[in-house]
Amino acid sequence: MGAERIRREPDAVAGLAAACGYLPVLLRTAATRLAARPQWSVADLVQWFAGRG
């Protein structure tokens, strides 16, 4: 997902890690999803997860 994205959105990254239960396989899946969608912010993905839960 890139170091720059992580630096820009530290709170969203923390929320993403929590949403993934801090599980490496889920974090890797989330990072892959973000890499495939460069127009999404990390916060966008967190909101997407929240809407599915």
PDB file of N, CA and C in Angstrom:
ATOM      1  N   MET A   1       0.810  -1.191   0.000  1.00  0.00           N
ATOM      2  CA  MET A   1       0.000   0.000   0.000  1.00  0.00           C
ATOM      3  C   MET A   1       0.846   1.244   0.000  1.00  0.00           C
ATOM      4  N   GLY A   2       2.091   1.111   0.361  1.00  0.00           N
ATOM      5  CA  GLY A   2       3.046   2.195   0.236  1.00  0.00           C
ATOM      6  C   GLY A   2       3.271   2.971   1.518  1.00  0.00           C
ATOM      7  N   ALA A   3       4.525   3.277   1.763  1.00  0.00           N
ATOM      8  CA  ALA A   3       4.906   4.001   2.977  1.00  0.00           C
ATOM      9  C   ALA A   3       4.298   5.396   3.019  1.00  0.00           C
ATOM     10  N   GLU A   4       4.190   6.039   1.863  1.00  0.00           N
ATOM     11  CA  GLU A   4       3.641   7.397   1.828  1.00  0.00           C
ATOM     12  C   GLU A   4       2.192   7.422   2.297  1.00  0.00           C
ATOM     13  N   ARG A   5       1.399   6.457   1.868  1.00  0.00           N
ATOM     14  CA  ARG A   5       0.006   6.385   2.321  1.00  0.00           C
ATOM     15  C   ARG A   5      -0.060   6.217   3.833  1.00  0.00           C
ATOM     16  N   ILE A   6       0.821   5.406   4.368  1.00  0.00           N
ATOM     17  CA  ILE A   6       0.837   5.165   5.814  1.00  0.00           C
ATOM     18  C   ILE A   6       1.199   6.445   6.552  1.00  0.00           C
ATOM     19  N   ARG A   7       2.177   7.185   6.051  1.00  0.00           N
ATOM     20  CA  ARG A   7       2.565   8.449   6.689  1.00  0.00           C
ATOM     21  C   ARG A   7       1.460   9.493   6.618  1.00  0.00           C
ATOM     22  N   ARG A   8       0.712   9.512   5.519  1.00  0.00           N
ATOM     23  CA  ARG A   8      -0.349  10.514   5.352  1.00  0.00           C
ATOM     24  C   ARG A   8      -1.555  10.243   6.232  1.00  0.00           C
ATOM     25  N   GLU A   9      -1.825   8.973   6.531  1.00  0.00           N
ATOM     26  CA  GLU A   9      -3.062   8.614   7.234  1.00  0.00           C
ATOM     27  C   GLU A   9      -2.812   7.667   8.413  1.00  0.00           C
ATOM     28  N   PRO A  10      -2.023   8.086   9.389  1.00  0.00           N
ATOM     29  CA  PRO A  10      -1.703   7.161  10.488  1.00  0.00           C
ATOM     30  C   PRO A  10      -2.933   6.709  11.275  1.00  0.00           C
ATOM     31  N   ASP A  11      -3.907   7.586  11.475  1.00  0.00           N
ATOM     32  CA  ASP A  11      -5.105   7.190  12.216  1.00  0.00           C
ATOM     33  C   ASP A  11      -5.941   6.182  11.436  1.00  0.00           C
ATOM     34  N   ALA A  12      -6.057   6.393  10.131  1.00  0.00           N
ATOM     35  CA  ALA A  12      -6.811   5.458   9.299  1.00  0.00           C
ATOM     36  C   ALA A  12      -6.105   4.107   9.238  1.00  0.00           C
ATOM     37  N   VAL A  13      -4.771   4.122   9.208  1.00  0.00           N
ATOM     38  CA  VAL A  13      -4.016   2.870   9.195  1.00  0.00           C
ATOM     39  C   VAL A  13      -4.259   2.110  10.501  1.00  0.00           C
ATOM     40  N   ALA A  14      -4.281   2.817  11.606  1.00  0.00           N
ATOM     41  CA  ALA A  14      -4.575   2.168  12.894  1.00  0.00           C
ATOM     42  C   ALA A  14      -5.980   1.584  12.884  1.00  0.00           C
ATOM     43  N   GLY A  15      -6.932   2.317  12.313  1.00  0.00           N
ATOM     44  CA  GLY A  15      -8.300   1.807  12.201  1.00  0.00           C
ATOM     45  C   GLY A  15      -8.380   0.592  11.301  1.00  0.00           C
ATOM     46  N   LEU A  16      -7.611   0.592  10.234  1.00  0.00           N
ATOM     47  CA  LEU A  16      -7.582  -0.551   9.331  1.00  0.00           C
ATOM     48  C   LEU A  16      -7.008  -1.778  10.032  1.00  0.00           C
ATOM     49  N   ALA A  17      -5.934  -1.575  10.773  1.00  0.00           N
ATOM     50  CA  ALA A  17      -5.336  -2.690  11.514  1.00  0.00           C
ATOM     51  C   ALA A  17      -6.337  -3.265  12.510  1.00  0.00           C
ATOM     52  N   ALA A  18      -7.064  -2.388  13.186  1.00  0.00           N
ATOM     53  CA  ALA A  18      -8.081  -2.858  14.140  1.00  0.00           C
ATOM     54  C   ALA A  18      -9.202  -3.595  13.418  1.00  0.00           C
ATOM     55  N   ALA A  19      -9.648  -3.053  12.291  1.00  0.00           N
ATOM     56  CA  ALA A  19     -10.721  -3.691  11.522  1.00  0.00           C
ATOM     57  C   ALA A  19     -10.304  -5.073  11.030  1.00  0.00           C
ATOM     58  N   CYS A  20      -9.016  -5.262  10.817  1.00  0.00           N
ATOM     59  CA  CYS A  20      -8.495  -6.557  10.363  1.00  0.00           C
ATOM     60  C   CYS A  20      -8.131  -7.457  11.538  1.00  0.00           C
ATOM     61  N   GLY A  21      -8.427  -7.009  12.746  1.00  0.00           N
ATOM     62  CA  GLY A  21      -8.107  -7.810  13.916  1.00  0.00           C
ATOM     63  C   GLY A  21      -6.616  -8.020  14.110  1.00  0.00           C
ATOM     64  N   TYR A  22      -5.813  -7.142  13.508  1.00  0.00           N
ATOM     65  CA  TYR A  22      -4.348  -7.208  13.581  1.00  0.00           C
ATOM     66  C   TYR A  22      -3.801  -8.528  13.021  1.00  0.00           C
ATOM     67  N   LEU A  23      -4.599  -9.196  12.206  1.00  0.00           N
ATOM     68  CA  LEU A  23      -4.191 -10.473  11.611  1.00  0.00           C
ATOM     69  C   LEU A  23      -3.411 -10.220  10.323  1.00  0.00           C
ATOM     70  N   PRO A  24      -2.193 -10.741  10.233  1.00  0.00           N
ATOM     71  CA  PRO A  24      -1.353 -10.480   9.056  1.00  0.00           C
ATOM     72  C   PRO A  24      -2.017 -10.836   7.734  1.00  0.00           C
ATOM     73  N   VAL A  25      -2.724 -11.949   7.669  1.00  0.00           N
ATOM     74  CA  VAL A  25      -3.340 -12.338   6.390  1.00  0.00           C
ATOM     75  C   VAL A  25      -4.411 -11.330   5.973  1.00  0.00           C
ATOM     76  N   LEU A  26      -5.172 -10.821   6.914  1.00  0.00           N
ATOM     77  CA  LEU A  26      -6.193  -9.826   6.570  1.00  0.00           C
ATOM     78  C   LEU A  26      -5.563  -8.479   6.233  1.00  0.00           C
ATOM     79  N   LEU A  27      -4.499  -8.110   6.934  1.00  0.00           N
ATOM     80  CA  LEU A  27      -3.799  -6.863   6.609  1.00  0.00           C
ATOM     81  C   LEU A  27      -3.184  -6.938   5.218  1.00  0.00           C
ATOM     82  N   ARG A  28      -2.650  -8.083   4.867  1.00  0.00           N
ATOM     83  CA  ARG A  28      -2.079  -8.265   3.519  1.00  0.00           C
ATOM     84  C   ARG A  28      -3.167  -8.149   2.459  1.00  0.00           C
ATOM     85  N   THR A  29      -4.329  -8.727   2.728  1.00  0.00           N
ATOM     86  CA  THR A  29      -5.451  -8.638   1.794  1.00  0.00           C
ATOM     87  C   THR A  29      -5.894  -7.185   1.632  1.00  0.00           C
ATOM     88  N   ALA A  30      -5.979  -6.467   2.740  1.00  0.00           N
ATOM     89  CA  ALA A  30      -6.364  -5.056   2.684  1.00  0.00           C
ATOM     90  C   ALA A  30      -5.336  -4.240   1.901  1.00  0.00           C
ATOM     91  N   ALA A  31      -4.051  -4.506   2.127  1.00  0.00           N
ATOM     92  CA  ALA A  31      -3.000  -3.793   1.412  1.00  0.00           C
ATOM     93  C   ALA A  31      -3.058  -4.083  -0.083  1.00  0.00           C
ATOM     94  N   THR A  32      -3.364  -5.321  -0.432  1.00  0.00           N
ATOM     95  CA  THR A  32      -3.494  -5.687  -1.845  1.00  0.00           C
ATOM     96  C   THR A  32      -4.661  -4.941  -2.479  1.00  0.00           C
ATOM     97  N   ARG A  33      -5.767  -4.844  -1.742  1.00  0.00           N
ATOM     98  CA  ARG A  33      -6.937  -4.115  -2.242  1.00  0.00           C
ATOM     99  C   ARG A  33      -6.584  -2.643  -2.475  1.00  0.00           C
ATOM    100  N   LEU A  34      -5.859  -2.047  -1.546  1.00  0.00           N
ATOM    101  CA  LEU A  34      -5.454  -0.645  -1.707  1.00  0.00           C
ATOM    102  C   LEU A  34      -4.475  -0.473  -2.867  1.00  0.00           C
ATOM    103  N   ALA A  35      -3.565  -1.398  -3.023  1.00  0.00           N
ATOM    104  CA  ALA A  35      -2.599  -1.301  -4.119  1.00  0.00           C
ATOM    105  C   ALA A  35      -3.297  -1.353  -5.476  1.00  0.00           C
ATOM    106  N   ALA A  36      -4.390  -2.108  -5.543  1.00  0.00           N
ATOM    107  CA  ALA A  36      -5.140  -2.218  -6.797  1.00  0.00           C
ATOM    108  C   ALA A  36      -6.042  -1.006  -7.038  1.00  0.00           C
ATOM    109  N   ARG A  37      -6.229  -0.195  -6.024  1.00  0.00           N
ATOM    110  CA  ARG A  37      -7.110   0.977  -6.121  1.00  0.00           C
ATOM    111  C   ARG A  37      -6.377   2.230  -5.623  1.00  0.00           C
ATOM    112  N   PRO A  38      -5.450   2.742  -6.399  1.00  0.00           N
ATOM    113  CA  PRO A  38      -4.654   3.888  -5.932  1.00  0.00           C
ATOM    114  C   PRO A  38      -5.483   5.142  -5.670  1.00  0.00           C
ATOM    115  N   GLN A  39      -6.690   5.200  -6.217  1.00  0.00           N
ATOM    116  CA  GLN A  39      -7.534   6.370  -5.979  1.00  0.00           C
ATOM    117  C   GLN A  39      -8.180   6.336  -4.596  1.00  0.00           C
ATOM    118  N   TRP A  40      -8.213   5.177  -3.951  1.00  0.00           N
ATOM    119  CA  TRP A  40      -8.785   5.061  -2.608  1.00  0.00           C
ATOM    120  C   TRP A  40      -7.781   5.519  -1.563  1.00  0.00           C
ATOM    121  N   SER A  41      -8.283   6.172  -0.538  1.00  0.00           N
ATOM    122  CA  SER A  41      -7.445   6.452   0.620  1.00  0.00           C
ATOM    123  C   SER A  41      -7.589   5.276   1.587  1.00  0.00           C
ATOM    124  N   VAL A  42      -6.740   5.234   2.578  1.00  0.00           N
ATOM    125  CA  VAL A  42      -6.873   4.194   3.604  1.00  0.00           C
ATOM    126  C   VAL A  42      -8.201   4.375   4.325  1.00  0.00           C
ATOM    127  N   ALA A  43      -8.575   5.617   4.565  1.00  0.00           N
ATOM    128  CA  ALA A  43      -9.864   5.903   5.219  1.00  0.00           C
ATOM    129  C   ALA A  43     -11.029   5.383   4.379  1.00  0.00           C
ATOM    130  N   ASP A  44     -10.933   5.465   3.069  1.00  0.00           N
ATOM    131  CA  ASP A  44     -11.979   4.919   2.197  1.00  0.00           C
ATOM    132  C   ASP A  44     -12.144   3.422   2.434  1.00  0.00           C
ATOM    133  N   LEU A  45     -11.037   2.717   2.552  1.00  0.00           N
ATOM    134  CA  LEU A  45     -11.112   1.270   2.760  1.00  0.00           C
ATOM    135  C   LEU A  45     -11.687   0.957   4.135  1.00  0.00           C
ATOM    136  N   VAL A  46     -11.316   1.716   5.137  1.00  0.00           N
ATOM    137  CA  VAL A  46     -11.873   1.518   6.486  1.00  0.00           C
ATOM    138  C   VAL A  46     -13.384   1.719   6.446  1.00  0.00           C
ATOM    139  N   GLN A  47     -13.850   2.737   5.750  1.00  0.00           N
ATOM    140  CA  GLN A  47     -15.288   2.972   5.626  1.00  0.00           C
ATOM    141  C   GLN A  47     -15.961   1.822   4.869  1.00  0.00           C
ATOM    142  N   TRP A  48     -15.309   1.313   3.839  1.00  0.00           N
ATOM    143  CA  TRP A  48     -15.853   0.197   3.073  1.00  0.00           C
ATOM    144  C   TRP A  48     -16.015  -1.020   3.984  1.00  0.00           C
ATOM    145  N   PHE A  49     -14.981  -1.305   4.802  1.00  0.00           N
ATOM    146  CA  PHE A  49     -15.079  -2.409   5.742  1.00  0.00           C
ATOM    147  C   PHE A  49     -16.217  -2.190   6.744  1.00  0.00           C
ATOM    148  N   ALA A  50     -16.331  -0.968   7.257  1.00  0.00           N
ATOM    149  CA  ALA A  50     -17.371  -0.655   8.234  1.00  0.00           C
ATOM    150  C   ALA A  50     -18.771  -0.871   7.650  1.00  0.00           C
ATOM    151  N   GLY A  51     -18.932  -0.557   6.383  1.00  0.00           N
ATOM    152  CA  GLY A  51     -20.223  -0.731   5.737  1.00  0.00           C
ATOM    153  C   GLY A  51     -20.583  -2.183   5.489  1.00  0.00           C
ATOM    154  N   ARG A  52     -19.602  -3.057   5.540  1.00  0.00           N
ATOM    155  CA  ARG A  52     -19.827  -4.472   5.283  1.00  0.00           C
ATOM    156  C   ARG A  52     -20.005  -5.272   6.567  1.00  0.00           C
ATOM    157  N   GLY A  53     -19.703  -4.639   7.697  1.00  0.00           N
ATOM    158  CA  GLY A  53     -19.733  -5.373   8.958  1.00  0.00           C
ATOM    159  C   GLY A  53     -21.030  -5.285   9.612  1.00  0.00           C
TER     160      GLY A  53
END
